[in-house]
């Protein structure tokens, strides 16, 4: 499935808690959602993830090493 939280002001507070519940997610597109802070390490739990789009946000910190666990990931757009 695909998750689009565009124009969702709550996305920045909900992301770490919600992301760990989306185990069968294949596409994560949070571009332009005003997400702030670091990419949560819980992203490594999304083993079915094929693509990540996190552009146009206010992300801080480093890319978590847990992204390396996503063996099916074929596309990642961060900036």
Protein backbone atom coordinates (compact mmCIF):
# COMPACT_ATOMS: atom_id res chain seq x y z
CA UNK A 1 0.00 0.00 0.00
CA UNK A 2 0.91 3.65 -0.19
CA UNK A 3 0.77 6.21 2.59
CA UNK A 4 0.32 9.87 1.71
CA UNK A 5 0.11 12.27 4.62
CA UNK A 6 0.34 15.44 2.54
CA UNK A 7 -0.92 18.57 4.29
CA UNK A 8 -1.14 16.75 7.63
CA UNK A 9 0.06 19.01 10.45
CA UNK A 10 0.14 16.05 12.83
CA UNK A 11 2.66 14.11 10.72
CA UNK A 12 5.66 15.52 12.57
CA UNK A 13 4.38 14.27 15.93
CA UNK A 14 3.01 10.94 14.73
CA UNK A 15 5.77 9.69 12.45
CA UNK A 16 7.94 7.64 14.87
CA UNK A 17 4.99 6.02 16.62
CA UNK A 18 2.97 5.27 13.48
CA UNK A 19 5.82 4.10 11.28
CA UNK A 20 6.50 1.00 13.35
CA UNK A 21 2.91 -0.18 12.77
CA UNK A 22 3.14 -0.12 8.96
CA UNK A 23 4.98 -3.40 8.49
CA UNK A 24 3.51 -4.22 5.05
CA UNK A 25 3.99 -0.69 3.65
CA UNK A 26 5.61 -0.64 0.21
CA UNK A 27 5.78 3.12 -0.49
CA UNK A 28 6.33 5.90 2.03
CA UNK A 29 5.77 9.38 0.57
CA UNK A 30 5.96 12.16 3.13
CA UNK A 31 7.35 14.81 0.78
CA UNK A 32 6.21 18.30 1.65
CA UNK A 33 4.52 17.27 4.93
CA UNK A 34 6.47 19.61 7.26
CA UNK A 35 8.06 16.63 9.03
CA UNK A 36 10.71 17.86 11.47
CA UNK A 37 13.52 16.14 13.30
CA UNK A 38 15.45 12.96 12.55
CA UNK A 39 14.33 10.04 10.41
CA UNK A 40 13.16 7.52 13.02
CA UNK A 41 15.18 4.34 13.41
CA UNK A 42 11.87 2.43 13.30
CA UNK A 43 12.00 2.83 9.53
CA UNK A 44 14.21 -0.27 9.54
CA UNK A 45 11.19 -2.36 10.58
CA UNK A 46 9.43 -1.73 7.26
CA UNK A 47 10.85 -4.76 5.49
CA UNK A 48 8.47 -4.53 2.51
CA UNK A 49 9.40 -0.92 1.70
CA UNK A 50 10.27 -0.34 -1.95
CA UNK A 51 10.51 3.46 -2.00
CA UNK A 52 10.90 6.38 0.40
CA UNK A 53 10.22 10.04 -0.44
CA UNK A 54 10.99 12.51 2.33
CA UNK A 55 11.89 15.59 0.29
CA UNK A 56 10.78 19.14 1.15
CA UNK A 57 10.79 18.59 4.91
CA UNK A 58 12.89 19.88 7.82
CA UNK A 59 14.71 16.66 8.64
CA UNK A 60 17.75 16.79 10.89
CA UNK A 61 20.48 14.39 11.92
CA UNK A 62 21.98 11.54 9.99
CA UNK A 63 20.35 8.86 7.88
CA UNK A 64 19.73 5.95 10.27
CA UNK A 65 21.78 2.84 9.58
CA UNK A 66 18.55 0.84 9.92
CA UNK A 67 17.70 1.89 6.36
CA UNK A 68 20.37 -0.63 5.38
CA UNK A 69 18.06 -3.40 6.61
CA UNK A 70 15.54 -2.60 3.86
CA UNK A 71 16.68 -5.17 1.32
CA UNK A 72 13.82 -4.45 -1.10
CA UNK A 73 14.32 -0.67 -1.12
CA UNK A 74 14.99 0.52 -4.67
CA UNK A 75 14.32 4.27 -4.42
CA UNK A 76 15.05 6.86 -1.76
CA UNK A 77 14.58 10.62 -2.19
CA UNK A 78 15.58 12.73 0.77
CA UNK A 79 16.21 16.20 -0.63
